[in-house]
Amino acid sequence: MISVIDSETGSGSGDEMAAIDAFNERLQNAGQLIMAEGLASPRASTVIDNRGGAGLVTPGPLHDTEQYVSGFWIIEAADRDAALALAAEGSRACNRVVELRPFFGGEASAF
């Protein structure tokens, strides 16, 4: 999973959005795109804590931070090097810092 780190929601310029669309299309054509999506502002989030039946529902983000995940790509890559190359390409396309993190289990956890 490649997470896009930002400080504003919907902050992509027209050129950035075009580069993201081209990157998404390249991933899709190569059969490497599983899913890609932008996320709403953390202000739109709700934190739910039902551990032990507590039933706590709190509006707003879990963490009050300046930077947050504003979108993501879930990709399929042959190995860590291929995933790193795609993450670097995604960072360049969206002009943002990205974080690459494998899922637990399967071959991806070998990253």
Protein backbone atom coordinates (compact mmCIF):
# COMPACT_ATOMS: atom_id res chain seq x y z
CA MET A 1 0.00 0.00 0.00
CA ILE A 2 1.31 3.41 -0.95
CA SER A 3 -0.12 6.12 1.32
CA VAL A 4 -0.06 9.74 0.17
CA ILE A 5 0.89 12.16 2.94
CA ASP A 6 -0.51 15.69 2.75
CA SER A 7 -1.50 18.64 4.89
CA GLU A 8 -4.60 19.63 2.87
CA THR A 9 -7.40 17.60 1.33
CA GLY A 10 -8.01 18.23 -2.36
CA SER A 11 -4.80 20.20 -2.68
CA GLY A 12 -3.67 18.68 -5.98
CA SER A 13 -3.13 21.12 -8.82
CA GLY A 14 -4.44 20.45 -12.32
CA ASP A 15 -0.99 19.29 -13.43
CA GLU A 16 -0.67 17.01 -10.40
CA MET A 17 -4.10 15.49 -11.00
CA ALA A 18 -3.20 14.84 -14.66
CA ALA A 19 0.06 13.17 -13.56
CA ILE A 20 -1.84 11.05 -11.02
CA ASP A 21 -4.35 9.99 -13.69
CA ALA A 22 -1.48 9.02 -16.02
CA PHE A 23 0.23 7.06 -13.22
CA ASN A 24 -3.06 5.29 -12.38
CA GLU A 25 -3.57 4.41 -16.04
CA ARG A 26 -0.03 3.04 -16.32
CA LEU A 27 -0.56 0.90 -13.19
CA GLN A 28 -3.89 -0.34 -14.52
CA ASN A 29 -2.48 -1.18 -17.95
CA ALA A 30 0.37 -3.12 -16.30
CA GLY A 31 -2.09 -5.06 -14.12
CA GLN A 32 -0.53 -3.63 -10.94
CA LEU A 33 -3.38 -1.41 -9.70
CA ILE A 34 -5.70 -3.07 -7.21
CA MET A 35 -7.29 0.13 -5.89
CA ALA A 36 -6.59 3.85 -5.64
CA GLU A 37 -8.60 6.46 -3.78
CA GLY A 38 -8.42 9.86 -2.16
CA LEU A 39 -9.62 10.36 1.41
CA ALA A 40 -11.72 13.13 2.92
CA SER A 41 -10.24 15.52 5.45
CA PRO A 42 -9.59 14.12 8.94
CA ARG A 43 -12.20 16.62 10.15
CA ALA A 44 -14.78 14.39 8.44
CA SER A 45 -13.72 11.31 10.42
CA THR A 46 -15.30 9.65 13.42
CA VAL A 47 -13.45 7.59 16.01
CA ILE A 48 -15.32 4.57 17.37
CA ASP A 49 -14.11 2.68 20.44
CA ASN A 50 -16.30 -0.27 21.30
CA ARG A 51 -13.67 -2.22 23.23
CA GLY A 52 -15.39 -3.92 26.13
CA GLY A 53 -18.72 -2.58 24.88
CA ALA A 54 -17.73 1.03 25.70
CA GLY A 55 -19.69 2.39 22.73
CA LEU A 56 -17.66 5.62 22.49
CA VAL A 57 -18.20 7.63 19.31
CA THR A 58 -16.12 10.78 18.95
CA PRO A 59 -16.28 13.14 15.97
CA GLY A 60 -12.99 14.17 14.43
CA PRO A 61 -9.63 12.51 13.85
CA LEU A 62 -7.90 10.04 16.13
CA HIS A 63 -4.72 12.12 16.01
CA ASP A 64 -4.53 15.90 15.69
CA THR A 65 -1.58 16.23 13.32
CA GLU A 66 -0.57 18.62 10.59
CA GLN A 67 0.08 15.84 8.07
CA TYR A 68 -2.14 12.87 7.38
CA VAL A 69 -2.95 10.22 4.79
CA SER A 70 -4.93 11.93 2.03
CA GLY A 71 -5.11 9.01 -0.37
CA PHE A 72 -3.61 5.66 -1.25
CA TRP A 73 -2.76 3.15 -3.92
CA ILE A 74 -2.98 -0.58 -3.32
CA ILE A 75 -0.62 -2.12 -5.82
CA GLU A 76 0.75 -5.49 -6.79
CA ALA A 77 4.51 -5.61 -7.26
CA ALA A 78 6.91 -8.49 -7.92
CA ASP A 79 9.20 -7.57 -5.03
CA ARG A 80 10.32 -4.76 -2.71
CA ASP A 81 12.46 -3.07 -5.35
CA ALA A 82 9.56 -2.98 -7.81
CA ALA A 83 7.25 -1.60 -5.09
CA LEU A 84 9.81 1.07 -4.16
CA ALA A 85 10.11 2.10 -7.80
CA LEU A 86 6.32 2.43 -8.07
CA ALA A 87 6.16 4.39 -4.81
CA ALA A 88 8.83 6.78 -6.12
CA GLU A 89 6.84 7.19 -9.33
CA GLY A 90 3.65 7.84 -7.34
CA SER A 91 5.42 10.42 -5.17
CA ARG A 92 6.62 12.22 -8.28
CA ALA A 93 3.15 12.07 -9.88
CA CYS A 94 1.26 13.51 -6.91
CA ASN A 95 4.14 15.74 -5.76
CA ARG A 96 3.75 14.49 -2.18
CA VAL A 97 5.63 12.35 0.31
CA VAL A 98 4.37 8.78 0.21
CA GLU A 99 4.75 5.84 2.58
CA LEU A 100 5.14 2.30 1.27
CA ARG A 101 3.93 -0.42 3.62
CA PRO A 102 3.30 -4.10 2.86
CA PHE A 103 0.25 -6.00 4.06
CA PHE A 104 0.68 -8.83 6.57
CA GLY A 105 0.82 -12.32 5.14
CA GLY A 106 1.64 -13.59 1.72
CA GLU A 107 4.70 -12.60 -0.25
CA ALA A 108 4.21 -8.88 0.41
CA SER A 109 5.18 -9.32 4.05
CA ALA A 110 8.67 -10.22 2.85
CA PHE A 111 9.27 -6.57 1.95
